[in-house]
């Protein structure tokens, strides 16, 4: 049976996050574990820091001492990760770590999905959910990154642009 890879969190010594991530990637290649260990992430954010009157952009780890790994959990993958220098343990019970839920993965923004839509600017659509359910309009703009569209609908006889999520509209 082929298991699907899930996201797990690994605790590391403070300051070892990058080294652990690099070592995981080396072990994946050297031991041919590409089918078990898919991705390694260290969630970061970019901040503007002002020091001595000068602004500069810095990258800060969102969760110091943690590395997030997308992997198929079994004895082989667990052993490979657990024996990397700097790794203290997986998050969860010692021999049975807990995978992140899809909601947690989404909130961490660590997994990017490509969005394909079946409509384009100028198409006539019907809004099927939300406060404007049942309204019809024309798409004037599509924002793939935020998964939204601007639809021109007639409200009280006036054309009004409204922003809706792509899953709230269907072609008419």
N, C-alpha and C. Protein backbone atom coordinates (compact mmCIF):
# COMPACT_ATOMS: atom_id res chain seq x y z
N UNK A 1 0.84 -1.19 0.00
CA UNK A 1 0.00 0.00 0.00
C UNK A 1 0.89 1.25 0.00
N UNK A 2 0.59 2.17 -0.90
CA UNK A 2 1.37 3.40 -1.02
C UNK A 2 0.78 4.47 -0.11
N UNK A 3 1.56 4.90 0.85
CA UNK A 3 1.10 5.93 1.77
C UNK A 3 1.36 7.31 1.17
N UNK A 4 0.53 8.28 1.58
CA UNK A 4 0.75 9.64 1.11
C UNK A 4 1.63 10.38 2.11
N UNK A 5 2.42 11.30 1.58
CA UNK A 5 3.31 12.09 2.43
C UNK A 5 2.49 13.13 3.19
N UNK A 6 2.85 13.33 4.44
CA UNK A 6 2.21 14.34 5.29
C UNK A 6 3.29 15.23 5.86
N UNK A 7 2.89 16.37 6.39
CA UNK A 7 3.84 17.31 7.00
C UNK A 7 4.02 16.99 8.48
N UNK A 8 5.28 16.88 8.89
CA UNK A 8 5.63 16.63 10.29
C UNK A 8 6.58 17.72 10.76
N UNK A 9 6.60 17.94 12.07
CA UNK A 9 7.46 18.96 12.65
C UNK A 9 8.56 18.28 13.45
N UNK A 10 9.80 18.73 13.22
CA UNK A 10 10.96 18.17 13.92
C UNK A 10 11.56 19.27 14.79
N UNK A 11 11.84 18.95 16.04
CA UNK A 11 12.48 19.89 16.96
C UNK A 11 13.99 19.75 16.83
N UNK A 12 14.69 20.90 16.78
CA UNK A 12 16.15 20.88 16.65
C UNK A 12 16.78 21.70 17.77
N UNK A 13 18.09 21.56 17.90
CA UNK A 13 18.80 22.46 18.81
C UNK A 13 18.66 23.87 18.26
N UNK A 14 18.68 24.84 19.16
CA UNK A 14 18.57 26.24 18.75
C UNK A 14 19.71 26.61 17.80
N UNK A 15 19.36 27.22 16.70
CA UNK A 15 20.36 27.65 15.72
C UNK A 15 20.78 26.57 14.73
N UNK A 16 20.25 25.36 14.85
CA UNK A 16 20.63 24.25 13.98
C UNK A 16 19.63 24.02 12.83
N UNK A 17 18.61 24.87 12.71
CA UNK A 17 17.55 24.63 11.74
C UNK A 17 18.10 24.47 10.31
N UNK A 18 18.93 25.41 9.87
CA UNK A 18 19.46 25.37 8.50
C UNK A 18 20.36 24.15 8.30
N UNK A 19 21.19 23.86 9.28
CA UNK A 19 22.11 22.72 9.18
C UNK A 19 21.31 21.41 9.11
N UNK A 20 20.28 21.28 9.93
CA UNK A 20 19.44 20.08 9.93
C UNK A 20 18.76 19.94 8.57
N UNK A 21 18.20 21.04 8.04
CA UNK A 21 17.53 21.00 6.74
C UNK A 21 18.50 20.55 5.64
N UNK A 22 19.72 21.09 5.66
CA UNK A 22 20.74 20.70 4.67
C UNK A 22 21.11 19.23 4.82
N UNK A 23 21.28 18.78 6.05
CA UNK A 23 21.63 17.38 6.29
C UNK A 23 20.52 16.43 5.85
N UNK A 24 19.27 16.82 6.05
CA UNK A 24 18.15 16.00 5.61
C UNK A 24 18.21 15.85 4.09
N UNK A 25 18.42 16.96 3.40
CA UNK A 25 18.48 16.91 1.93
C UNK A 25 19.65 16.05 1.44
N UNK A 26 20.79 16.10 2.15
CA UNK A 26 21.95 15.25 1.78
C UNK A 26 21.61 13.77 1.98
N UNK A 27 20.97 13.45 3.10
CA UNK A 27 20.64 12.05 3.40
C UNK A 27 19.61 11.53 2.40
N UNK A 28 18.66 12.36 2.02
CA UNK A 28 17.65 11.95 1.04
C UNK A 28 18.35 11.52 -0.26
N UNK A 29 19.33 12.31 -0.69
CA UNK A 29 20.04 11.98 -1.93
C UNK A 29 20.95 10.77 -1.75
N UNK A 30 21.72 10.74 -0.67
CA UNK A 30 22.70 9.66 -0.50
C UNK A 30 22.05 8.30 -0.22
N UNK A 31 20.92 8.31 0.48
CA UNK A 31 20.25 7.04 0.81
C UNK A 31 19.06 6.76 -0.11
N UNK A 32 18.87 7.61 -1.13
CA UNK A 32 17.79 7.44 -2.10
C UNK A 32 16.42 7.35 -1.43
N UNK A 33 16.13 8.35 -0.61
CA UNK A 33 14.86 8.38 0.13
C UNK A 33 13.86 9.37 -0.49
N UNK A 34 14.05 9.70 -1.77
CA UNK A 34 13.18 10.67 -2.43
C UNK A 34 11.71 10.25 -2.40
N UNK A 35 11.47 8.94 -2.39
CA UNK A 35 10.09 8.45 -2.34
C UNK A 35 9.47 8.58 -0.95
N UNK A 36 10.29 8.78 0.07
CA UNK A 36 9.77 8.90 1.44
C UNK A 36 9.80 10.34 1.97
N UNK A 37 10.88 11.05 1.70
CA UNK A 37 11.03 12.41 2.22
C UNK A 37 10.95 13.37 1.03
N UNK A 38 9.86 14.13 0.97
CA UNK A 38 9.54 14.93 -0.21
C UNK A 38 10.07 16.36 -0.14
N UNK A 39 9.85 17.04 0.99
CA UNK A 39 10.22 18.45 1.12
C UNK A 39 10.67 18.77 2.53
N UNK A 40 11.53 19.79 2.63
CA UNK A 40 12.00 20.28 3.93
C UNK A 40 11.83 21.79 3.92
N UNK A 41 11.17 22.33 4.93
CA UNK A 41 10.89 23.77 4.99
C UNK A 41 11.26 24.34 6.37
N UNK A 42 11.74 25.57 6.34
CA UNK A 42 11.93 26.35 7.56
C UNK A 42 11.11 27.62 7.34
N UNK A 43 9.90 27.72 7.91
CA UNK A 43 9.07 28.90 7.68
C UNK A 43 9.75 30.17 8.17
N UNK A 44 9.81 31.17 7.28
CA UNK A 44 10.42 32.46 7.62
C UNK A 44 9.50 33.59 7.19
N UNK A 45 9.81 34.78 7.67
CA UNK A 45 9.11 35.98 7.22
C UNK A 45 10.14 37.08 7.02
N UNK A 46 9.86 37.97 6.09
CA UNK A 46 10.76 39.09 5.81
C UNK A 46 10.24 40.32 6.54
N UNK A 47 11.15 40.98 7.23
CA UNK A 47 10.80 42.17 8.00
C UNK A 47 11.72 43.32 7.63
N UNK A 48 11.23 44.53 7.77
CA UNK A 48 12.09 45.71 7.61
C UNK A 48 12.57 46.09 9.00
N UNK A 49 13.87 46.22 9.13
CA UNK A 49 14.47 46.54 10.42
C UNK A 49 15.20 47.87 10.27
N UNK A 50 14.99 48.77 11.20
CA UNK A 50 15.68 50.06 11.17
C UNK A 50 16.70 50.06 12.29
N UNK A 51 17.96 50.20 11.92
CA UNK A 51 19.05 50.20 12.88
C UNK A 51 20.00 51.34 12.52
N UNK A 52 20.29 52.17 13.51
CA UNK A 52 21.17 53.33 13.30
C UNK A 52 20.67 54.20 12.14
N UNK A 53 19.35 54.35 12.03
CA UNK A 53 18.77 55.20 11.00
C UNK A 53 18.74 54.60 9.61
N UNK A 54 19.17 53.34 9.47
CA UNK A 54 19.18 52.70 8.15
C UNK A 54 18.18 51.53 8.14
N UNK A 55 17.37 51.50 7.09
CA UNK A 55 16.40 50.43 6.94
C UNK A 55 17.01 49.30 6.12
N UNK A 56 16.76 48.08 6.57
CA UNK A 56 17.21 46.93 5.80
C UNK A 56 16.19 45.82 5.98
N UNK A 57 16.18 44.91 5.00
CA UNK A 57 15.26 43.79 5.06
C UNK A 57 15.98 42.59 5.68
N UNK A 58 15.33 41.98 6.67
CA UNK A 58 15.91 40.80 7.31
C UNK A 58 14.90 39.65 7.24
N UNK A 59 15.43 38.44 7.25
CA UNK A 59 14.57 37.26 7.26
C UNK A 59 14.64 36.64 8.64
N UNK A 60 13.47 36.39 9.23
CA UNK A 60 13.40 35.85 10.58
C UNK A 60 12.63 34.54 10.55
N UNK A 61 13.10 33.57 11.31
CA UNK A 61 12.42 32.27 11.41
C UNK A 61 11.14 32.45 12.22
N UNK A 62 10.05 31.91 11.67
CA UNK A 62 8.77 31.99 12.38
C UNK A 62 8.75 31.09 13.61
N UNK A 63 9.41 29.91 13.49
CA UNK A 63 9.42 28.95 14.59
C UNK A 63 10.86 28.51 14.85
N UNK A 64 11.61 29.30 15.62
CA UNK A 64 12.99 28.92 15.90
C UNK A 64 13.04 27.52 16.53
N UNK A 65 14.03 26.75 16.16
CA UNK A 65 14.27 25.39 16.65
C UNK A 65 13.34 24.34 16.04
N UNK A 66 12.64 24.68 14.94
CA UNK A 66 11.77 23.71 14.30
C UNK A 66 11.99 23.67 12.79
N UNK A 67 11.91 22.46 12.24
CA UNK A 67 11.98 22.23 10.80
C UNK A 67 10.73 21.44 10.44
N UNK A 68 10.13 21.76 9.29
CA UNK A 68 8.91 21.08 8.88
C UNK A 68 9.25 20.22 7.66
N UNK A 69 8.83 18.95 7.71
CA UNK A 69 9.19 17.97 6.68
C UNK A 69 7.94 17.30 6.13
N UNK A 70 7.86 17.25 4.79
CA UNK A 70 6.78 16.48 4.15
C UNK A 70 7.36 15.11 3.84
N UNK A 71 6.79 14.09 4.47
CA UNK A 71 7.35 12.76 4.33
C UNK A 71 6.30 11.68 4.57
N UNK A 72 6.63 10.48 4.09
CA UNK A 72 5.87 9.29 4.42
C UNK A 72 6.50 8.76 5.70
N UNK A 73 5.71 8.68 6.74
CA UNK A 73 6.27 8.24 8.02
C UNK A 73 6.30 6.72 8.10
N UNK A 74 7.50 6.19 8.24
CA UNK A 74 7.70 4.76 8.51
C UNK A 74 9.02 4.62 9.26
N UNK A 75 9.40 3.40 9.60
CA UNK A 75 10.63 3.21 10.39
C UNK A 75 11.86 3.75 9.68
N UNK A 76 11.95 3.55 8.37
CA UNK A 76 13.12 4.00 7.62
C UNK A 76 13.26 5.52 7.62
N UNK A 77 12.15 6.23 7.32
CA UNK A 77 12.22 7.70 7.29
C UNK A 77 12.40 8.26 8.71
N UNK A 78 11.74 7.67 9.68
CA UNK A 78 11.87 8.12 11.07
C UNK A 78 13.32 7.99 11.53
N UNK A 79 13.92 6.83 11.27
CA UNK A 79 15.30 6.58 11.68
C UNK A 79 16.27 7.54 10.99
N UNK A 80 16.06 7.79 9.70
CA UNK A 80 16.94 8.69 8.95
C UNK A 80 16.92 10.10 9.55
N UNK A 81 15.74 10.60 9.87
CA UNK A 81 15.61 11.96 10.42
C UNK A 81 16.10 12.00 11.86
N UNK A 82 15.69 11.04 12.66
CA UNK A 82 16.00 11.03 14.10
C UNK A 82 17.49 11.00 14.37
N UNK A 83 18.28 10.41 13.47
CA UNK A 83 19.71 10.28 13.71
C UNK A 83 20.55 11.39 13.08
N UNK A 84 19.94 12.46 12.69
CA UNK A 84 20.68 13.61 12.17
C UNK A 84 21.14 14.46 13.36
N UNK A 85 22.39 14.86 13.31
CA UNK A 85 22.94 15.69 14.39
C UNK A 85 22.17 17.00 14.48
N UNK A 86 21.69 17.33 15.67
CA UNK A 86 20.93 18.54 15.89
C UNK A 86 19.44 18.30 16.05
N UNK A 87 18.96 17.13 15.64
CA UNK A 87 17.54 16.80 15.80
C UNK A 87 17.33 16.23 17.19
N UNK A 88 16.36 16.79 17.93
CA UNK A 88 16.07 16.24 19.26
C UNK A 88 14.93 15.23 19.19
N UNK A 89 13.88 15.55 18.40
CA UNK A 89 12.76 14.62 18.26
C UNK A 89 11.72 15.19 17.33
N UNK A 90 10.76 14.35 16.96
CA UNK A 90 9.58 14.81 16.25
C UNK A 90 8.61 15.39 17.26
N UNK A 91 7.72 16.27 16.83
CA UNK A 91 6.68 16.78 17.71
C UNK A 91 5.59 15.72 17.80
N UNK A 92 5.22 15.38 19.00
CA UNK A 92 4.24 14.33 19.25
C UNK A 92 4.86 13.25 20.11
N UNK A 93 4.14 12.14 20.32
CA UNK A 93 4.70 11.04 21.10
C UNK A 93 6.00 10.54 20.47
N UNK A 94 6.96 10.10 21.27
CA UNK A 94 8.29 9.76 20.77
C UNK A 94 8.35 8.85 19.55
N UNK A 95 7.57 7.79 19.49
CA UNK A 95 7.68 6.89 18.35
C UNK A 95 6.51 7.02 17.38
N UNK A 96 5.62 7.97 17.64
CA UNK A 96 4.46 8.15 16.78
C UNK A 96 4.13 9.64 16.63
N UNK A 97 4.93 10.38 15.84
CA UNK A 97 4.68 11.82 15.71
C UNK A 97 3.33 12.12 15.07
N UNK A 98 2.84 13.29 15.34
CA UNK A 98 1.53 13.71 14.84
C UNK A 98 1.74 14.59 13.61
N UNK A 99 1.09 14.23 12.52
CA UNK A 99 1.17 15.03 11.29
C UNK A 99 0.35 16.31 11.46
N UNK A 100 0.76 17.36 10.75
CA UNK A 100 0.00 18.60 10.75
C UNK A 100 -1.32 18.39 10.01
N UNK A 101 -2.35 19.07 10.45
CA UNK A 101 -3.63 19.01 9.75
C UNK A 101 -3.54 19.90 8.51
N UNK A 102 -4.47 19.71 7.58
CA UNK A 102 -4.45 20.55 6.37
C UNK A 102 -4.67 22.01 6.73
N UNK A 103 -5.47 22.29 7.75
CA UNK A 103 -5.71 23.66 8.19
C UNK A 103 -4.40 24.29 8.70
N UNK A 104 -3.61 23.51 9.44
CA UNK A 104 -2.32 24.01 9.94
C UNK A 104 -1.36 24.26 8.78
N UNK A 105 -1.33 23.34 7.82
CA UNK A 105 -0.46 23.51 6.65
C UNK A 105 -0.85 24.77 5.89
N UNK A 106 -2.15 24.98 5.71
CA UNK A 106 -2.63 26.17 5.00
C UNK A 106 -2.25 27.44 5.74
N UNK A 107 -2.38 27.44 7.06
CA UNK A 107 -2.07 28.65 7.84
C UNK A 107 -0.57 28.96 7.84
N UNK A 108 0.26 27.93 7.70
CA UNK A 108 1.72 28.14 7.64
C UNK A 108 2.17 28.59 6.26
N UNK A 109 1.29 28.42 5.27
CA UNK A 109 1.59 28.82 3.90
C UNK A 109 2.86 28.16 3.38
N UNK A 110 3.05 26.87 3.69
CA UNK A 110 4.26 26.17 3.27
C UNK A 110 4.04 25.35 2.01
N UNK A 111 2.79 25.19 1.63
CA UNK A 111 2.50 24.40 0.45
C UNK A 111 1.82 25.29 -0.57
N UNK A 112 2.43 25.39 -1.74
CA UNK A 112 1.87 26.22 -2.81
C UNK A 112 1.16 25.33 -3.81
N UNK A 113 -0.03 25.74 -4.18
CA UNK A 113 -0.79 25.00 -5.18
C UNK A 113 -0.99 25.89 -6.39
N UNK A 114 -0.95 25.29 -7.55
CA UNK A 114 -1.28 26.08 -8.74
C UNK A 114 -2.80 26.03 -8.89
N UNK A 115 -3.35 27.15 -9.27
CA UNK A 115 -4.79 27.25 -9.42
C UNK A 115 -5.14 27.32 -10.89
N UNK A 116 -6.01 26.45 -11.31
CA UNK A 116 -6.51 26.51 -12.68
C UNK A 116 -7.97 26.86 -12.61
N UNK A 117 -8.37 27.82 -13.46
CA UNK A 117 -9.77 28.22 -13.45
C UNK A 117 -10.33 28.07 -14.86
N UNK A 118 -11.62 27.91 -14.93
CA UNK A 118 -12.26 27.71 -16.23
C UNK A 118 -12.96 28.96 -16.74
N UNK A 119 -12.64 30.11 -16.19
CA UNK A 119 -13.24 31.36 -16.65
C UNK A 119 -12.15 32.40 -16.89
N UNK A 120 -12.53 33.47 -17.59
CA UNK A 120 -11.56 34.52 -17.92
C UNK A 120 -12.26 35.87 -17.82
N UNK A 121 -11.47 36.94 -17.89
CA UNK A 121 -12.02 38.29 -17.85
C UNK A 121 -13.01 38.43 -19.00
N UNK A 122 -14.18 38.99 -18.70
CA UNK A 122 -15.23 39.18 -19.70
C UNK A 122 -16.32 38.13 -19.66
N UNK A 123 -16.05 36.98 -19.01
CA UNK A 123 -17.05 35.92 -18.93
C UNK A 123 -18.22 36.33 -18.04
N UNK A 124 -19.40 35.83 -18.40
CA UNK A 124 -20.60 36.04 -17.58
C UNK A 124 -20.66 34.92 -16.55
N UNK A 125 -20.88 35.27 -15.29
CA UNK A 125 -20.89 34.29 -14.21
C UNK A 125 -22.10 34.51 -13.29
N UNK A 126 -22.39 33.46 -12.55
CA UNK A 126 -23.42 33.53 -11.51
C UNK A 126 -22.73 33.33 -10.18
N UNK A 127 -23.08 34.15 -9.19
CA UNK A 127 -22.53 34.00 -7.84
C UNK A 127 -23.39 32.97 -7.12
N UNK A 128 -22.75 31.89 -6.63
CA UNK A 128 -23.52 30.77 -6.08
C UNK A 128 -23.49 30.68 -4.55
N UNK A 129 -22.70 31.55 -3.90
CA UNK A 129 -22.70 31.54 -2.44
C UNK A 129 -22.29 32.91 -1.92
N UNK A 130 -22.49 33.13 -0.64
CA UNK A 130 -22.15 34.41 -0.03
C UNK A 130 -23.34 35.37 -0.04
N UNK A 131 -23.10 36.60 0.35
CA UNK A 131 -24.18 37.58 0.49
C UNK A 131 -24.80 37.99 -0.85
N UNK A 132 -24.08 37.78 -1.96
CA UNK A 132 -24.61 38.13 -3.28
C UNK A 132 -25.07 36.90 -4.07
N UNK A 133 -25.38 35.83 -3.36
CA UNK A 133 -25.83 34.59 -4.00
C UNK A 133 -27.01 34.89 -4.92
N UNK A 134 -26.94 34.35 -6.14
CA UNK A 134 -28.03 34.54 -7.09
C UNK A 134 -27.81 35.69 -8.05
N UNK A 135 -26.84 36.56 -7.79
CA UNK A 135 -26.54 37.67 -8.69
C UNK A 135 -25.73 37.16 -9.89
N UNK A 136 -25.90 37.85 -11.01
CA UNK A 136 -25.15 37.56 -12.23
C UNK A 136 -24.27 38.77 -12.53
N UNK A 137 -23.14 38.51 -13.20
CA UNK A 137 -22.28 39.62 -13.57
C UNK A 137 -21.19 39.20 -14.53
N UNK A 138 -20.34 40.17 -14.87
CA UNK A 138 -19.22 39.94 -15.77
C UNK A 138 -17.92 40.06 -14.98
N UNK A 139 -16.99 39.15 -15.26
CA UNK A 139 -15.68 39.21 -14.59
C UNK A 139 -14.87 40.35 -15.19
N UNK A 140 -14.38 41.24 -14.32
CA UNK A 140 -13.54 42.34 -14.81
C UNK A 140 -12.08 42.14 -14.44
N UNK A 141 -11.83 41.27 -13.45
CA UNK A 141 -10.45 41.04 -13.00
C UNK A 141 -10.38 39.70 -12.28
N UNK A 142 -9.24 39.00 -12.45
CA UNK A 142 -9.02 37.74 -11.74
C UNK A 142 -7.69 37.84 -11.02
N UNK A 143 -7.70 37.51 -9.73
CA UNK A 143 -6.48 37.50 -8.93
C UNK A 143 -6.20 36.05 -8.52
N UNK A 144 -5.36 35.38 -9.31
CA UNK A 144 -5.06 33.96 -9.08
C UNK A 144 -4.42 33.76 -7.71
N UNK A 145 -3.47 34.62 -7.36
CA UNK A 145 -2.73 34.45 -6.10
C UNK A 145 -3.65 34.44 -4.88
N UNK A 146 -4.63 35.34 -4.86
CA UNK A 146 -5.55 35.42 -3.72
C UNK A 146 -6.83 34.63 -3.95
N UNK A 147 -6.93 33.96 -5.13
CA UNK A 147 -8.09 33.14 -5.48
C UNK A 147 -9.39 33.94 -5.42
N UNK A 148 -9.36 35.16 -5.99
CA UNK A 148 -10.54 36.01 -6.03
C UNK A 148 -10.76 36.54 -7.44
N UNK A 149 -11.99 37.02 -7.68
CA UNK A 149 -12.33 37.67 -8.94
C UNK A 149 -13.16 38.90 -8.61
N UNK A 150 -13.00 39.93 -9.45
CA UNK A 150 -13.86 41.10 -9.34
C UNK A 150 -14.94 40.93 -10.40
N UNK A 151 -16.18 40.96 -9.94
CA UNK A 151 -17.33 40.75 -10.81
C UNK A 151 -18.16 42.04 -10.79
N UNK A 152 -18.56 42.50 -11.98
CA UNK A 152 -19.41 43.68 -12.08
C UNK A 152 -20.86 43.19 -12.05
N UNK A 153 -21.57 43.56 -10.99
CA UNK A 153 -22.97 43.16 -10.84
C UNK A 153 -23.84 44.41 -10.78
N UNK A 154 -25.10 44.27 -11.17
CA UNK A 154 -26.04 45.38 -11.11
C UNK A 154 -26.73 45.35 -9.75
N UNK A 155 -26.45 46.36 -8.94
CA UNK A 155 -27.09 46.49 -7.64
C UNK A 155 -27.85 47.82 -7.64
N UNK A 156 -29.16 47.76 -7.46
CA UNK A 156 -30.04 48.94 -7.51
C UNK A 156 -29.84 49.71 -8.82
N UNK A 157 -29.68 48.98 -9.91
CA UNK A 157 -29.58 49.60 -11.23
C UNK A 157 -28.20 50.16 -11.56
N UNK A 158 -27.23 49.98 -10.68
CA UNK A 158 -25.88 50.49 -10.94
C UNK A 158 -24.90 49.34 -11.04
N UNK A 159 -23.98 49.45 -11.99
CA UNK A 159 -22.91 48.45 -12.10
C UNK A 159 -21.93 48.66 -10.96
N UNK A 160 -21.78 47.62 -10.16
CA UNK A 160 -20.94 47.70 -8.97
C UNK A 160 -19.90 46.58 -8.98
N UNK A 161 -18.61 46.92 -8.85
CA UNK A 161 -17.60 45.86 -8.77
C UNK A 161 -17.60 45.23 -7.38
N UNK A 162 -17.65 43.90 -7.34
CA UNK A 162 -17.58 43.19 -6.06
C UNK A 162 -16.50 42.12 -6.16
N UNK A 163 -15.80 41.92 -5.07
CA UNK A 163 -14.75 40.91 -5.03
C UNK A 163 -15.32 39.65 -4.40
N UNK A 164 -15.17 38.52 -5.12
CA UNK A 164 -15.68 37.24 -4.63
C UNK A 164 -14.57 36.20 -4.77
N UNK A 165 -14.67 35.14 -3.98
CA UNK A 165 -13.72 34.04 -4.10
C UNK A 165 -14.06 33.25 -5.35
N UNK A 166 -13.03 32.66 -5.97
CA UNK A 166 -13.24 31.92 -7.21
C UNK A 166 -14.21 30.74 -7.03
N UNK A 167 -14.25 30.17 -5.83
CA UNK A 167 -15.17 29.04 -5.61
C UNK A 167 -16.61 29.49 -5.40
N UNK A 168 -16.86 30.81 -5.45
CA UNK A 168 -18.22 31.33 -5.27
C UNK A 168 -18.90 31.64 -6.60
N UNK A 169 -18.21 31.39 -7.72
CA UNK A 169 -18.79 31.72 -9.02
C UNK A 169 -18.76 30.53 -9.97
N UNK A 170 -19.74 30.52 -10.88
CA UNK A 170 -19.77 29.51 -11.95
C UNK A 170 -20.08 30.24 -13.25
N UNK A 171 -19.61 29.65 -14.35
CA UNK A 171 -19.92 30.24 -15.66
C UNK A 171 -21.41 30.19 -15.91
N UNK A 172 -21.93 31.24 -16.54
CA UNK A 172 -23.38 31.29 -16.83
C UNK A 172 -23.60 31.18 -18.32
